[in-house]
Amino acid sequence: MTSIDDLKKSLAIANRMFANEGVLDAFGHVGLRHPDNPERFFLARSLAPAEVTADDILEFDMTSEPVEPFSGMLYSERVMYGAIFRARPDVNAICHHHAPAMLPFCLADLKLRVVTQLGATIGKQVPLWDQRDEFGATNHLVMKEDEAVSLAKCLGTNSIVLMKRHGATVVASDLRELAFRTIYSVRDAELQLRAMTYGDIDVFNDAEIELAGKFPEASLSRAWDYWVARMRGPAGS
């Protein structure tokens, strides 16, 4: 059984990993459901992801408030974690990001498609949530409970929800699957945009996504270990 200390270390690594791979910058965050208490989750205090350590990880309840008193700064969008964890018992890990390769699909009339085998982790469909539809003019942050609930409803049973003029929120069953899905969905978006400069693109159909998108634990671990190694730098350095 994974100890809470080990869980916090892994969550801190995921924050730094996603920053190292260009998914997160000064903003964005990663959350993980408590393995022994599904009504709790872990999230860092408000900090640039590249700076997160295990000591920065806090425990929250399903109202997205810290379990222990905390006087420091918290992520203003933490409510989305509580809302999604409540709505999706199968989800144990969440990442919210604003990766540059994903933003064109939030800004223009473009549909994110699966164009690579690894990109099949995206799934068959990606819903688009427009905060303006229900809430009018906002600052485009998800800071209110009703906004977070609306986002979770739009996500539905899918693995990724795009947020109009904002970014993306990705969910998974565990942290390694989250890393795989978050990073390779961004890579897939990058390749789709590059291919579109040459003409019409060829995409996976639903049957191919179903076949290609079944990634065993060995593949998830292989990718995780690779990204951890990239944080250490070139071999022998």
Protein backbone atom coordinates (compact mmCIF):
# COMPACT_ATOMS: atom_id res chain seq x y z
CA MET A 1 0.00 0.00 0.00
CA THR A 2 1.32 3.45 -0.93
CA SER A 3 1.98 5.66 2.08
CA ILE A 4 0.67 9.20 2.15
CA ASP A 5 4.27 10.47 2.18
CA ASP A 6 5.01 8.52 -1.01
CA LEU A 7 1.79 9.78 -2.57
CA LYS A 8 2.75 13.39 -1.84
CA LYS A 9 6.19 12.80 -3.35
CA SER A 10 4.63 11.35 -6.51
CA LEU A 11 2.18 14.23 -6.80
CA ALA A 12 5.02 16.72 -6.42
CA ILE A 13 6.96 14.88 -9.13
CA ALA A 14 3.93 15.05 -11.42
CA ASN A 15 3.71 18.83 -10.95
CA ARG A 16 7.38 19.27 -11.85
CA MET A 17 7.17 16.71 -14.66
CA PHE A 18 4.26 18.48 -16.36
CA ALA A 19 6.14 21.77 -16.08
CA ASN A 20 9.28 20.17 -17.51
CA GLU A 21 7.29 18.83 -20.48
CA GLY A 22 5.80 22.26 -21.25
CA VAL A 23 2.23 21.44 -20.21
CA LEU A 24 2.25 23.64 -17.09
CA ASP A 25 4.05 26.96 -16.67
CA ALA A 26 3.59 29.36 -13.76
CA PHE A 27 -0.07 28.29 -13.70
CA GLY A 28 -2.06 25.07 -13.74
CA HIS A 29 -2.16 22.30 -11.14
CA VAL A 30 -2.49 18.57 -10.47
CA GLY A 31 -4.73 16.87 -7.89
CA LEU A 32 -4.98 13.31 -6.58
CA ARG A 33 -7.79 11.58 -4.66
CA HIS A 34 -6.92 10.18 -1.22
CA PRO A 35 -6.33 6.43 -1.70
CA ASP A 36 -7.99 5.49 1.60
CA ASN A 37 -10.68 8.16 1.88
CA PRO A 38 -12.50 8.94 -1.39
CA GLU A 39 -14.01 12.05 0.22
CA ARG A 40 -10.59 13.72 0.39
CA PHE A 41 -8.01 14.79 -2.17
CA PHE A 42 -4.51 16.23 -2.33
CA LEU A 43 -3.42 19.42 -4.10
CA ALA A 44 -0.44 21.74 -3.68
CA ARG A 45 -0.67 25.14 -2.07
CA SER A 46 -0.68 27.99 -4.59
CA LEU A 47 2.74 27.69 -6.16
CA ALA A 48 4.31 27.45 -9.60
CA PRO A 49 4.20 23.71 -10.47
CA ALA A 50 7.95 23.56 -11.15
CA GLU A 51 8.54 24.55 -7.52
CA VAL A 52 6.19 22.06 -5.85
CA THR A 53 7.67 19.64 -3.30
CA ALA A 54 6.01 17.04 -1.10
CA ASP A 55 5.93 19.56 1.75
CA ASP A 56 3.68 21.80 -0.35
CA ILE A 57 0.93 19.18 -0.76
CA LEU A 58 -2.22 19.77 1.29
CA GLU A 59 -5.25 17.59 1.98
CA PHE A 60 -8.72 18.89 1.05
CA ASP A 61 -12.30 17.75 1.64
CA MET A 62 -14.95 17.53 -1.08
CA THR A 63 -15.93 21.17 -0.56
CA SER A 64 -12.36 21.91 -1.71
CA GLU A 65 -11.35 23.34 1.65
CA PRO A 66 -8.19 22.30 3.54
CA VAL A 67 -8.71 19.59 6.13
CA GLU A 68 -6.19 21.29 8.44
CA PRO A 69 -6.12 25.07 9.02
CA PHE A 70 -3.86 26.77 6.47
CA SER A 71 -3.03 30.46 6.40
CA GLY A 72 -1.11 30.51 3.11
CA MET A 73 -2.33 31.00 -0.45
CA LEU A 74 -4.47 28.34 -2.14
CA TYR A 75 -5.29 27.81 -5.81
CA SER A 76 -8.42 29.82 -6.58
CA GLU A 77 -9.67 27.12 -8.99
CA ARG A 78 -9.43 24.24 -6.51
CA VAL A 79 -13.26 23.94 -6.53
CA MET A 80 -13.10 22.12 -9.86
CA TYR A 81 -11.31 19.21 -8.15
CA GLY A 82 -13.98 18.68 -5.54
CA ALA A 83 -16.75 18.92 -8.15
CA ILE A 84 -15.13 16.44 -10.56
CA PHE A 85 -14.16 13.97 -7.84
CA ARG A 86 -17.74 14.04 -6.55
CA ALA A 87 -19.22 13.55 -10.01
CA ARG A 88 -16.77 10.86 -11.15
CA PRO A 89 -16.02 8.11 -8.59
CA ASP A 90 -13.82 6.45 -11.24
CA VAL A 91 -11.52 9.49 -11.42
CA ASN A 92 -8.59 9.60 -9.00
CA ALA A 93 -6.30 12.14 -10.69
CA ILE A 94 -6.92 15.50 -12.39
CA CYS A 95 -4.77 18.05 -14.21
CA HIS A 96 -5.86 21.54 -15.25
CA HIS A 97 -3.56 23.26 -17.74
CA HIS A 98 -3.23 25.94 -20.42
CA ALA A 99 -0.70 24.27 -22.75
CA PRO A 100 -0.09 26.47 -25.83
CA ALA A 101 -0.69 23.56 -28.24
CA MET A 102 -4.14 22.96 -26.73
CA LEU A 103 -5.31 26.58 -26.66
CA PRO A 104 -6.03 26.91 -30.42
CA PHE A 105 -8.73 24.26 -29.92
CA CYS A 106 -10.22 26.50 -27.22
CA LEU A 107 -10.03 29.67 -29.30
CA ALA A 108 -10.86 28.74 -32.90
CA ASP A 109 -13.38 26.52 -34.65
CA LEU A 110 -11.08 23.51 -34.46
CA LYS A 111 -11.93 20.02 -33.20
CA LEU A 112 -9.28 18.14 -31.26
CA ARG A 113 -8.85 14.78 -33.01
CA VAL A 114 -6.75 11.68 -32.50
CA VAL A 115 -3.99 11.71 -35.11
CA THR A 116 -1.41 9.39 -33.48
CA GLN A 117 -1.52 6.01 -31.73
CA LEU A 118 -0.38 7.50 -28.42
CA GLY A 119 -2.91 10.28 -28.90
CA ALA A 120 -5.68 7.69 -28.65
CA THR A 121 -5.52 8.34 -24.91
CA ILE A 122 -7.67 11.41 -25.72
CA GLY A 123 -10.69 9.21 -26.32
CA LYS A 124 -13.48 9.30 -28.88
CA GLN A 125 -14.82 12.74 -28.04
CA VAL A 126 -13.73 15.89 -26.26
CA PRO A 127 -16.51 18.21 -25.06
CA LEU A 128 -16.10 21.99 -25.05
CA TRP A 129 -17.32 23.96 -22.02
CA ASP A 130 -18.12 27.64 -22.49
CA GLN A 131 -18.40 29.41 -19.14
CA ARG A 132 -20.14 32.32 -20.82
CA ASP A 133 -23.16 30.21 -21.79
CA GLU A 134 -24.35 29.83 -18.18
CA PHE A 135 -22.55 32.57 -16.29
CA GLY A 136 -22.21 35.50 -18.70
CA ALA A 137 -19.17 37.72 -18.34
CA THR A 138 -16.62 36.28 -15.89
CA ASN A 139 -12.87 36.45 -15.37
CA HIS A 140 -12.75 32.96 -16.95
CA LEU A 141 -11.42 31.35 -13.77
CA VAL A 142 -13.44 28.52 -12.22
CA MET A 143 -13.71 29.90 -8.70
CA LYS A 144 -17.37 29.27 -7.81
CA GLU A 145 -19.04 26.01 -6.88
CA ASP A 146 -21.78 26.30 -9.52
CA GLU A 147 -19.16 26.92 -12.22
CA ALA A 148 -17.19 23.86 -11.12
CA VAL A 149 -20.32 21.70 -11.11
CA SER A 150 -21.15 22.90 -14.63
CA LEU A 151 -17.64 22.01 -15.81
CA ALA A 152 -17.90 18.54 -14.28
CA LYS A 153 -21.28 18.02 -15.97
CA CYS A 154 -19.82 18.99 -19.36
CA LEU A 155 -16.89 16.60 -18.85
CA GLY A 156 -19.42 13.82 -18.39
CA THR A 157 -17.86 10.37 -18.85
CA ASN A 158 -15.05 11.69 -21.06
CA SER A 159 -11.35 11.95 -20.27
CA ILE A 160 -10.74 15.57 -21.33
CA VAL A 161 -12.86 18.69 -21.38
CA LEU A 162 -11.72 21.80 -23.26
CA MET A 163 -12.61 25.16 -21.76
CA LYS A 164 -13.47 27.94 -24.18
CA ARG A 165 -10.89 30.77 -24.14
CA HIS A 166 -9.18 29.09 -21.17
CA GLY A 167 -7.50 25.68 -21.33
CA ALA A 168 -8.13 22.01 -20.63
CA THR A 169 -8.94 19.71 -17.73
CA VAL A 170 -7.81 16.08 -17.92
CA VAL A 171 -8.90 13.16 -15.73
CA ALA A 172 -7.61 9.63 -15.17
CA SER A 173 -7.84 6.61 -12.89
CA ASP A 174 -4.39 7.19 -11.40
CA LEU A 175 -1.38 9.49 -11.59
CA ARG A 176 0.59 7.57 -14.23
CA GLU A 177 -2.41 7.36 -16.54
CA LEU A 178 -2.94 11.09 -15.96
CA ALA A 179 0.65 11.85 -16.95
CA PHE A 180 0.31 9.72 -20.08
CA ARG A 181 -3.00 11.28 -21.10
CA THR A 182 -2.06 14.86 -20.25
CA ILE A 183 1.30 14.88 -22.02
CA TYR A 184 0.37 12.79 -25.06
CA SER A 185 -2.87 14.70 -25.66
CA VAL A 186 -0.77 17.87 -25.87
CA ARG A 187 1.70 16.13 -28.21
CA ASP A 188 -1.21 14.99 -30.38
CA ALA A 189 -2.57 18.54 -30.50
CA GLU A 190 0.87 19.83 -31.53
CA LEU A 191 1.11 17.32 -34.37
CA GLN A 192 -2.43 18.02 -35.54
CA LEU A 193 -1.70 21.74 -35.77
CA ARG A 194 1.56 21.13 -37.65
CA ALA A 195 -0.08 18.71 -40.08
CA MET A 196 -2.90 21.16 -40.79
CA THR A 197 -0.38 23.60 -42.26
CA TYR A 198 0.20 21.10 -45.08
CA GLY A 199 -3.45 20.39 -45.87
CA ASP A 200 -6.30 18.16 -44.77
CA ILE A 201 -5.42 15.77 -41.94
CA ASP A 202 -6.12 12.06 -41.62
CA VAL A 203 -7.52 11.03 -38.23
CA PHE A 204 -8.30 7.85 -36.29
CA ASN A 205 -11.88 6.62 -36.44
CA ASP A 206 -13.78 5.47 -33.33
CA ALA A 207 -12.96 1.79 -33.86
CA GLU A 208 -9.26 2.59 -34.18
CA ILE A 209 -9.34 4.78 -31.06
CA GLU A 210 -10.96 1.91 -29.16
CA LEU A 211 -8.22 -0.49 -30.28
CA ALA A 212 -5.28 1.89 -29.95
CA GLY A 213 -6.31 3.50 -26.67
CA LYS A 214 -5.84 0.47 -24.41
CA PHE A 215 -2.50 1.18 -22.76
CA PRO A 216 -1.17 -1.43 -20.29
CA GLU A 217 0.50 -0.51 -17.02
CA ALA A 218 3.89 -1.35 -18.56
CA SER A 219 3.41 1.41 -21.15
CA LEU A 220 2.28 3.94 -18.54
CA SER A 221 5.27 3.13 -16.32
CA ARG A 222 7.68 3.27 -19.26
CA ALA A 223 6.49 6.76 -20.15
CA TRP A 224 6.51 7.92 -16.51
CA ASP A 225 10.09 6.69 -16.03
CA TYR A 226 11.16 8.42 -19.24
CA TRP A 227 9.73 11.76 -18.12
CA VAL A 228 11.32 11.38 -14.68
CA ALA A 229 14.67 10.72 -16.39
CA ARG A 230 14.23 13.85 -18.50
CA MET A 231 13.94 15.89 -15.29
CA ARG A 232 17.33 14.54 -14.19
CA GLY A 233 18.93 15.68 -17.43
CA PRO A 234 21.17 13.83 -19.94
CA ALA A 235 22.65 10.52 -18.77
CA GLY A 236 25.88 11.05 -16.91
CA SER A 237 25.27 14.76 -16.32
